[in-house]
PDB file of all heavy atoms in Angstrom:
ATOM      1  N   ASP A   1      -1.521  -7.050   3.238  1.00  0.00           N
ATOM      2  CA  ASP A   1      -0.794  -6.486   4.364  1.00  0.00           C
ATOM      3  C   ASP A   1      -1.667  -6.489   5.614  1.00  0.00           C
ATOM      4  O   ASP A   1      -1.207  -6.774   6.712  1.00  0.00           O
ATOM      5  CB  ASP A   1      -0.345  -5.064   4.032  1.00  0.00           C
ATOM      6  CG  ASP A   1       0.527  -4.469   5.134  1.00  0.00           C
ATOM      7  OD1 ASP A   1       1.388  -5.194   5.651  1.00  0.00           O
ATOM      8  OD2 ASP A   1       0.330  -3.285   5.473  1.00  0.00           O
ATOM      9  N   SER A   2      -2.959  -6.183   5.464  1.00  0.00           N
ATOM     10  CA  SER A   2      -3.858  -6.164   6.624  1.00  0.00           C
ATOM     11  C   SER A   2      -4.040  -7.567   7.184  1.00  0.00           C
ATOM     12  O   SER A   2      -4.204  -7.748   8.377  1.00  0.00           O
ATOM     13  CB  SER A   2      -5.219  -5.569   6.233  1.00  0.00           C
ATOM     14  OG  SER A   2      -5.920  -6.433   5.364  1.00  0.00           O
ATOM     15  N   SER A   3      -3.969  -8.605   6.308  1.00  0.00           N
ATOM     16  CA  SER A   3      -4.089  -9.980   6.781  1.00  0.00           C
ATOM     17  C   SER A   3      -2.853 -10.384   7.573  1.00  0.00           C
ATOM     18  O   SER A   3      -2.928 -11.129   8.546  1.00  0.00           O
ATOM     19  CB  SER A   3      -4.272 -10.934   5.592  1.00  0.00           C
ATOM     20  OG  SER A   3      -5.451 -10.609   4.887  1.00  0.00           O
ATOM     21  N   ALA A   4      -1.701  -9.871   7.133  1.00  0.00           N
ATOM     22  CA  ALA A   4      -0.457 -10.200   7.819  1.00  0.00           C
ATOM     23  C   ALA A   4      -0.305  -9.424   9.117  1.00  0.00           C
ATOM     24  O   ALA A   4       0.429  -9.840  10.018  1.00  0.00           O
ATOM     25  CB  ALA A   4       0.732  -9.921   6.900  1.00  0.00           C
ATOM     26  N   HIS A   5      -1.000  -8.284   9.229  1.00  0.00           N
ATOM     27  CA  HIS A   5      -0.902  -7.436  10.422  1.00  0.00           C
ATOM     28  C   HIS A   5      -2.328  -7.129  10.901  1.00  0.00           C
ATOM     29  O   HIS A   5      -2.851  -6.047  10.632  1.00  0.00           O
ATOM     30  CB  HIS A   5      -0.149  -6.146  10.115  1.00  0.00           C
ATOM     31  CG  HIS A   5       1.216  -6.385   9.536  1.00  0.00           C
ATOM     32  ND1 HIS A   5       1.422  -6.558   8.185  1.00  0.00           N
ATOM     33  CD2 HIS A   5       2.431  -6.510  10.127  1.00  0.00           C
ATOM     34  CE1 HIS A   5       2.716  -6.754   7.966  1.00  0.00           C
ATOM     35  NE2 HIS A   5       3.350  -6.730   9.125  1.00  0.00           N
ATOM     36  N   PRO A   6      -2.984  -8.061  11.604  1.00  0.00           N
ATOM     37  CA  PRO A   6      -4.405  -7.915  11.945  1.00  0.00           C
ATOM     38  C   PRO A   6      -4.738  -6.655  12.709  1.00  0.00           C
ATOM     39  O   PRO A   6      -5.854  -6.154  12.620  1.00  0.00           O
ATOM     40  CB  PRO A   6      -4.675  -9.166  12.796  1.00  0.00           C
ATOM     41  CG  PRO A   6      -3.638 -10.146  12.365  1.00  0.00           C
ATOM     42  CD  PRO A   6      -2.424  -9.335  12.046  1.00  0.00           C
ATOM     43  N   VAL A   7      -3.777  -6.104  13.475  1.00  0.00           N
ATOM     44  CA  VAL A   7      -4.090  -4.915  14.249  1.00  0.00           C
ATOM     45  C   VAL A   7      -4.537  -3.769  13.353  1.00  0.00           C
ATOM     46  O   VAL A   7      -5.329  -2.927  13.751  1.00  0.00           O
ATOM     47  CB  VAL A   7      -2.868  -4.501  15.108  1.00  0.00           C
ATOM     48  CG1 VAL A   7      -1.726  -4.036  14.229  1.00  0.00           C
ATOM     49  CG2 VAL A   7      -3.252  -3.390  16.094  1.00  0.00           C
ATOM     50  N   THR A   8      -4.036  -3.737  12.136  1.00  0.00           N
ATOM     51  CA  THR A   8      -4.387  -2.630  11.245  1.00  0.00           C
ATOM     52  C   THR A   8      -5.812  -2.757  10.734  1.00  0.00           C
ATOM     53  O   THR A   8      -6.354  -1.801  10.188  1.00  0.00           O
ATOM     54  CB  THR A   8      -3.427  -2.579  10.040  1.00  0.00           C
ATOM     55  OG1 THR A   8      -3.562  -3.790   9.296  1.00  0.00           O
ATOM     56  CG2 THR A   8      -1.996  -2.419  10.493  1.00  0.00           C
ATOM     57  N   SER A   9      -6.416  -3.935  10.876  1.00  0.00           N
ATOM     58  CA  SER A   9      -7.773  -4.110  10.382  1.00  0.00           C
ATOM     59  C   SER A   9      -8.787  -4.288  11.515  1.00  0.00           C
ATOM     60  O   SER A   9      -9.878  -4.781  11.304  1.00  0.00           O
ATOM     61  CB  SER A   9      -7.839  -5.326   9.444  1.00  0.00           C
ATOM     62  OG  SER A   9      -7.429  -6.491  10.128  1.00  0.00           O
ATOM     63  N   SER A  10      -8.410  -3.900  12.722  1.00  0.00           N
ATOM     64  CA  SER A  10      -9.316  -3.991  13.856  1.00  0.00           C
ATOM     65  C   SER A  10     -10.343  -2.872  13.788  1.00  0.00           C
ATOM     66  O   SER A  10     -10.181  -1.905  13.044  1.00  0.00           O
ATOM     67  CB  SER A  10      -8.513  -3.880  15.150  1.00  0.00           C
ATOM     68  OG  SER A  10      -7.976  -2.571  15.275  1.00  0.00           O
ATOM     69  N   PRO A  11     -11.451  -2.956  14.564  1.00  0.00           N
ATOM     70  CA  PRO A  11     -12.458  -1.881  14.554  1.00  0.00           C
ATOM     71  C   PRO A  11     -11.874  -0.518  14.881  1.00  0.00           C
ATOM     72  O   PRO A  11     -12.341   0.495  14.363  1.00  0.00           O
ATOM     73  CB  PRO A  11     -13.454  -2.354  15.620  1.00  0.00           C
ATOM     74  CG  PRO A  11     -13.318  -3.841  15.627  1.00  0.00           C
ATOM     75  CD  PRO A  11     -11.861  -4.101  15.383  1.00  0.00           C
ATOM     76  N   ARG A  12     -10.848  -0.505  15.744  1.00  0.00           N
ATOM     77  CA  ARG A  12     -10.260   0.792  16.100  1.00  0.00           C
ATOM     78  C   ARG A  12      -9.334   1.310  15.005  1.00  0.00           C
ATOM     79  O   ARG A  12      -9.062   2.491  14.927  1.00  0.00           O
ATOM     80  CB  ARG A  12      -9.476   0.672  17.415  1.00  0.00           C
ATOM     81  CG  ARG A  12     -10.352   0.385  18.624  1.00  0.00           C
ATOM     82  CD  ARG A  12      -9.532   0.320  19.887  1.00  0.00           C
ATOM     83  NE  ARG A  12      -8.827   1.590  20.103  1.00  0.00           N
ATOM     84  CZ  ARG A  12      -7.921   1.760  21.070  1.00  0.00           C
ATOM     85  NH1 ARG A  12      -7.595   0.746  21.858  1.00  0.00           N
ATOM     86  NH2 ARG A  12      -7.336   2.930  21.211  1.00  0.00           N
ATOM     87  N   HIS A  13      -8.811   0.381  14.180  1.00  0.00           N
ATOM     88  CA  HIS A  13      -7.876   0.764  13.119  1.00  0.00           C
ATOM     89  C   HIS A  13      -8.302   0.108  11.813  1.00  0.00           C
ATOM     90  O   HIS A  13      -7.657  -0.820  11.318  1.00  0.00           O
ATOM     91  CB  HIS A  13      -6.448   0.343  13.476  1.00  0.00           C
ATOM     92  CG  HIS A  13      -5.969   0.913  14.762  1.00  0.00           C
ATOM     93  ND1 HIS A  13      -5.507   2.200  14.875  1.00  0.00           N
ATOM     94  CD2 HIS A  13      -5.897   0.357  16.012  1.00  0.00           C
ATOM     95  CE1 HIS A  13      -5.144   2.429  16.142  1.00  0.00           C
ATOM     96  NE2 HIS A  13      -5.374   1.331  16.844  1.00  0.00           N
ATOM     97  N   PRO A  14      -9.424   0.510  11.250  1.00  0.00           N
ATOM     98  CA  PRO A  14      -9.903  -0.134  10.018  1.00  0.00           C
ATOM     99  C   PRO A  14      -8.957   0.115   8.851  1.00  0.00           C
ATOM    100  O   PRO A  14      -8.279   1.141   8.787  1.00  0.00           O
ATOM    101  CB  PRO A  14     -11.258   0.540   9.773  1.00  0.00           C
ATOM    102  CG  PRO A  14     -11.133   1.874  10.447  1.00  0.00           C
ATOM    103  CD  PRO A  14     -10.266   1.646  11.652  1.00  0.00           C
ATOM    104  N   VAL A  15      -8.920  -0.840   7.936  1.00  0.00           N
ATOM    105  CA  VAL A  15      -8.107  -0.700   6.731  1.00  0.00           C
ATOM    106  C   VAL A  15      -8.860   0.144   5.712  1.00  0.00           C
ATOM    107  O   VAL A  15     -10.022  -0.118   5.425  1.00  0.00           O
ATOM    108  CB  VAL A  15      -7.782  -2.088   6.123  1.00  0.00           C
ATOM    109  CG1 VAL A  15      -7.035  -1.920   4.805  1.00  0.00           C
ATOM    110  CG2 VAL A  15      -6.967  -2.904   7.102  1.00  0.00           C
ATOM    111  N   THR A  16      -8.214   1.162   5.208  1.00  0.00           N
ATOM    112  CA  THR A  16      -8.826   2.013   4.191  1.00  0.00           C
ATOM    113  C   THR A  16      -8.140   1.741   2.853  1.00  0.00           C
ATOM    114  O   THR A  16      -6.937   1.971   2.711  1.00  0.00           O
ATOM    115  CB  THR A  16      -8.673   3.505   4.548  1.00  0.00           C
ATOM    116  OG1 THR A  16      -9.293   3.727   5.811  1.00  0.00           O
ATOM    117  CG2 THR A  16      -9.322   4.371   3.487  1.00  0.00           C
ATOM    118  N   LEU A  17      -8.892   1.180   1.913  1.00  0.00           N
ATOM    119  CA  LEU A  17      -8.330   0.934   0.595  1.00  0.00           C
ATOM    120  C   LEU A  17      -8.199   2.259  -0.140  1.00  0.00           C
ATOM    121  O   LEU A  17      -9.131   3.056  -0.172  1.00  0.00           O
ATOM    122  CB  LEU A  17      -9.219  -0.035  -0.187  1.00  0.00           C
ATOM    123  CG  LEU A  17      -9.382  -1.420   0.446  1.00  0.00           C
ATOM    124  CD1 LEU A  17     -10.238  -2.298  -0.454  1.00  0.00           C
ATOM    125  CD2 LEU A  17      -8.041  -2.057   0.692  1.00  0.00           C
ATOM    126  N   SER A  18      -7.038   2.495  -0.716  1.00  0.00           N
ATOM    127  CA  SER A  18      -6.783   3.787  -1.341  1.00  0.00           C
ATOM    128  C   SER A  18      -6.117   3.604  -2.684  1.00  0.00           C
ATOM    129  O   SER A  18      -5.547   2.552  -2.987  1.00  0.00           O
ATOM    130  CB  SER A  18      -5.890   4.647  -0.436  1.00  0.00           C
ATOM    131  OG  SER A  18      -4.635   4.008  -0.234  1.00  0.00           O
ATOM    132  N   PHE A  19      -6.199   4.661  -3.506  1.00  0.00           N
ATOM    133  CA  PHE A  19      -5.509   4.656  -4.782  1.00  0.00           C
ATOM    134  C   PHE A  19      -4.023   4.936  -4.548  1.00  0.00           C
ATOM    135  O   PHE A  19      -3.660   5.644  -3.617  1.00  0.00           O
ATOM    136  CB  PHE A  19      -6.073   5.743  -5.696  1.00  0.00           C
ATOM    137  CG  PHE A  19      -7.516   5.550  -6.054  1.00  0.00           C
ATOM    138  CD1 PHE A  19      -8.354   6.635  -6.228  1.00  0.00           C
ATOM    139  CD2 PHE A  19      -8.038   4.293  -6.222  1.00  0.00           C
ATOM    140  CE1 PHE A  19      -9.681   6.477  -6.565  1.00  0.00           C
ATOM    141  CE2 PHE A  19      -9.364   4.099  -6.564  1.00  0.00           C
ATOM    142  CZ  PHE A  19     -10.189   5.198  -6.730  1.00  0.00           C
ATOM    143  N   PRO A  20      -3.160   4.403  -5.407  1.00  0.00           N
ATOM    144  CA  PRO A  20      -1.743   4.788  -5.313  1.00  0.00           C
ATOM    145  C   PRO A  20      -1.597   6.266  -5.687  1.00  0.00           C
ATOM    146  O   PRO A  20      -2.107   6.706  -6.716  1.00  0.00           O
ATOM    147  CB  PRO A  20      -1.062   3.870  -6.327  1.00  0.00           C
ATOM    148  CG  PRO A  20      -2.138   3.489  -7.291  1.00  0.00           C
ATOM    149  CD  PRO A  20      -3.411   3.459  -6.504  1.00  0.00           C
ATOM    150  N   GLN A  21      -0.936   7.028  -4.852  1.00  0.00           N
ATOM    151  CA  GLN A  21      -0.800   8.469  -5.089  1.00  0.00           C
ATOM    152  C   GLN A  21       0.571   8.854  -5.607  1.00  0.00           C
ATOM    153  O   GLN A  21       0.709   9.818  -6.350  1.00  0.00           O
ATOM    154  CB  GLN A  21      -1.116   9.233  -3.797  1.00  0.00           C
ATOM    155  CG  GLN A  21      -2.543   9.032  -3.309  1.00  0.00           C
ATOM    156  CD  GLN A  21      -2.812   9.750  -2.010  1.00  0.00           C
ATOM    157  OE1 GLN A  21      -1.895  10.156  -1.299  1.00  0.00           O
ATOM    158  NE2 GLN A  21      -4.089   9.920  -1.684  1.00  0.00           N
ATOM    159  N   SER A  22       1.595   8.105  -5.184  1.00  0.00           N
ATOM    160  CA  SER A  22       2.960   8.390  -5.632  1.00  0.00           C
ATOM    161  C   SER A  22       3.504   7.139  -6.313  1.00  0.00           C
ATOM    162  O   SER A  22       3.638   6.084  -5.683  1.00  0.00           O
ATOM    163  CB  SER A  22       3.844   8.780  -4.443  1.00  0.00           C
ATOM    164  OG  SER A  22       5.169   9.039  -4.869  1.00  0.00           O
ATOM    165  N   ILE A  23       3.793   7.252  -7.590  1.00  0.00           N
ATOM    166  CA  ILE A  23       4.194   6.092  -8.397  1.00  0.00           C
ATOM    167  C   ILE A  23       5.555   6.366  -9.031  1.00  0.00           C
ATOM    168  O   ILE A  23       5.808   7.468  -9.542  1.00  0.00           O
ATOM    169  CB  ILE A  23       3.156   5.804  -9.495  1.00  0.00           C
ATOM    170  CG1 ILE A  23       1.813   5.403  -8.855  1.00  0.00           C
ATOM    171  CG2 ILE A  23       3.633   4.705 -10.439  1.00  0.00           C
ATOM    172  CD1 ILE A  23       0.708   5.137  -9.851  1.00  0.00           C
ATOM    173  N   ALA A  24       6.410   5.370  -8.994  1.00  0.00           N
ATOM    174  CA  ALA A  24       7.697   5.456  -9.686  1.00  0.00           C
ATOM    175  C   ALA A  24       7.700   4.473 -10.847  1.00  0.00           C
ATOM    176  O   ALA A  24       7.217   3.348 -10.717  1.00  0.00           O
ATOM    177  CB  ALA A  24       8.846   5.136  -8.741  1.00  0.00           C
ATOM    178  N   ILE A  25       8.224   4.918 -11.973  1.00  0.00           N
ATOM    179  CA  ILE A  25       8.429   4.032 -13.122  1.00  0.00           C
ATOM    180  C   ILE A  25       9.916   3.719 -13.165  1.00  0.00           C
ATOM    181  O   ILE A  25      10.748   4.613 -13.353  1.00  0.00           O
ATOM    182  CB  ILE A  25       7.967   4.682 -14.437  1.00  0.00           C
ATOM    183  CG1 ILE A  25       6.498   5.113 -14.342  1.00  0.00           C
ATOM    184  CG2 ILE A  25       8.148   3.703 -15.599  1.00  0.00           C
ATOM    185  CD1 ILE A  25       5.994   5.856 -15.569  1.00  0.00           C
ATOM    186  N   ILE A  26      10.249   2.449 -12.960  1.00  0.00           N
ATOM    187  CA  ILE A  26      11.645   2.011 -12.947  1.00  0.00           C
ATOM    188  C   ILE A  26      11.949   1.340 -14.276  1.00  0.00           C
ATOM    189  O   ILE A  26      11.294   0.365 -14.659  1.00  0.00           O
ATOM    190  CB  ILE A  26      11.892   1.031 -11.781  1.00  0.00           C
ATOM    191  CG1 ILE A  26      11.638   1.720 -10.437  1.00  0.00           C
ATOM    192  CG2 ILE A  26      13.309   0.475 -11.833  1.00  0.00           C
ATOM    193  CD1 ILE A  26      12.554   2.895 -10.156  1.00  0.00           C
ATOM    194  N   TYR A  27      12.932   1.860 -14.984  1.00  0.00           N
ATOM    195  CA  TYR A  27      13.237   1.368 -16.326  1.00  0.00           C
ATOM    196  C   TYR A  27      14.725   1.567 -16.617  1.00  0.00           C
ATOM    197  O   TYR A  27      15.416   2.293 -15.882  1.00  0.00           O
ATOM    198  CB  TYR A  27      12.367   2.082 -17.364  1.00  0.00           C
ATOM    199  CG  TYR A  27      12.680   3.551 -17.555  1.00  0.00           C
ATOM    200  CD1 TYR A  27      13.387   4.003 -18.669  1.00  0.00           C
ATOM    201  CD2 TYR A  27      12.267   4.505 -16.610  1.00  0.00           C
ATOM    202  CE1 TYR A  27      13.679   5.348 -18.835  1.00  0.00           C
ATOM    203  CE2 TYR A  27      12.549   5.853 -16.776  1.00  0.00           C
ATOM    204  CZ  TYR A  27      13.256   6.266 -17.893  1.00  0.00           C
ATOM    205  OH  TYR A  27      13.552   7.600 -18.065  1.00  0.00           O
ATOM    206  N   PRO A  28      15.261   0.938 -17.672  1.00  0.00           N
ATOM    207  CA  PRO A  28      16.674   1.124 -18.029  1.00  0.00           C
ATOM    208  C   PRO A  28      16.875   2.499 -18.666  1.00  0.00           C
ATOM    209  O   PRO A  28      16.661   2.675 -19.867  1.00  0.00           O
ATOM    210  CB  PRO A  28      16.968  -0.022 -19.001  1.00  0.00           C
ATOM    211  CG  PRO A  28      15.631  -0.385 -19.565  1.00  0.00           C
ATOM    212  CD  PRO A  28      14.615  -0.097 -18.498  1.00  0.00           C
ATOM    213  N   THR A  29      17.263   3.458 -17.876  1.00  0.00           N
ATOM    214  CA  THR A  29      17.312   4.850 -18.327  1.00  0.00           C
ATOM    215  C   THR A  29      18.376   5.096 -19.397  1.00  0.00           C
ATOM    216  O   THR A  29      18.374   6.164 -20.015  1.00  0.00           O
ATOM    217  CB  THR A  29      17.572   5.782 -17.132  1.00  0.00           C
ATOM    218  OG1 THR A  29      18.751   5.339 -16.430  1.00  0.00           O
ATOM    219  CG2 THR A  29      16.393   5.747 -16.166  1.00  0.00           C
ATOM    220  N   ASP A  30      19.283   4.139 -19.612  1.00  0.00           N
ATOM    221  CA  ASP A  30      20.316   4.323 -20.633  1.00  0.00           C
ATOM    222  C   ASP A  30      19.888   3.800 -21.999  1.00  0.00           C
ATOM    223  O   ASP A  30      20.643   3.923 -22.969  1.00  0.00           O
ATOM    224  CB  ASP A  30      21.609   3.631 -20.209  1.00  0.00           C
ATOM    225  CG  ASP A  30      21.412   2.152 -19.917  1.00  0.00           C
ATOM    226  OD1 ASP A  30      20.282   1.775 -19.550  1.00  0.00           O
ATOM    227  OD2 ASP A  30      22.382   1.381 -20.042  1.00  0.00           O
ATOM    228  N   LEU A  31      18.681   3.223 -22.091  1.00  0.00           N
ATOM    229  CA  LEU A  31      18.200   2.691 -23.365  1.00  0.00           C
ATOM    230  C   LEU A  31      17.008   3.504 -23.847  1.00  0.00           C
ATOM    231  O   LEU A  31      16.054   3.706 -23.094  1.00  0.00           O
ATOM    232  CB  LEU A  31      17.806   1.218 -23.222  1.00  0.00           C
ATOM    233  CG  LEU A  31      18.927   0.257 -22.792  1.00  0.00           C
ATOM    234  CD1 LEU A  31      18.371  -1.151 -22.640  1.00  0.00           C
ATOM    235  CD2 LEU A  31      20.074   0.272 -23.797  1.00  0.00           C
TER     236      LEU A  31
END
């Protein structure tokens, strides 16, 4: 994403790699 949007990786807006904090598990809930 930072490569596609260089402004987010500029010195003024560095990219911060982070852990996923909110995760959804999508599955067939009827099975």
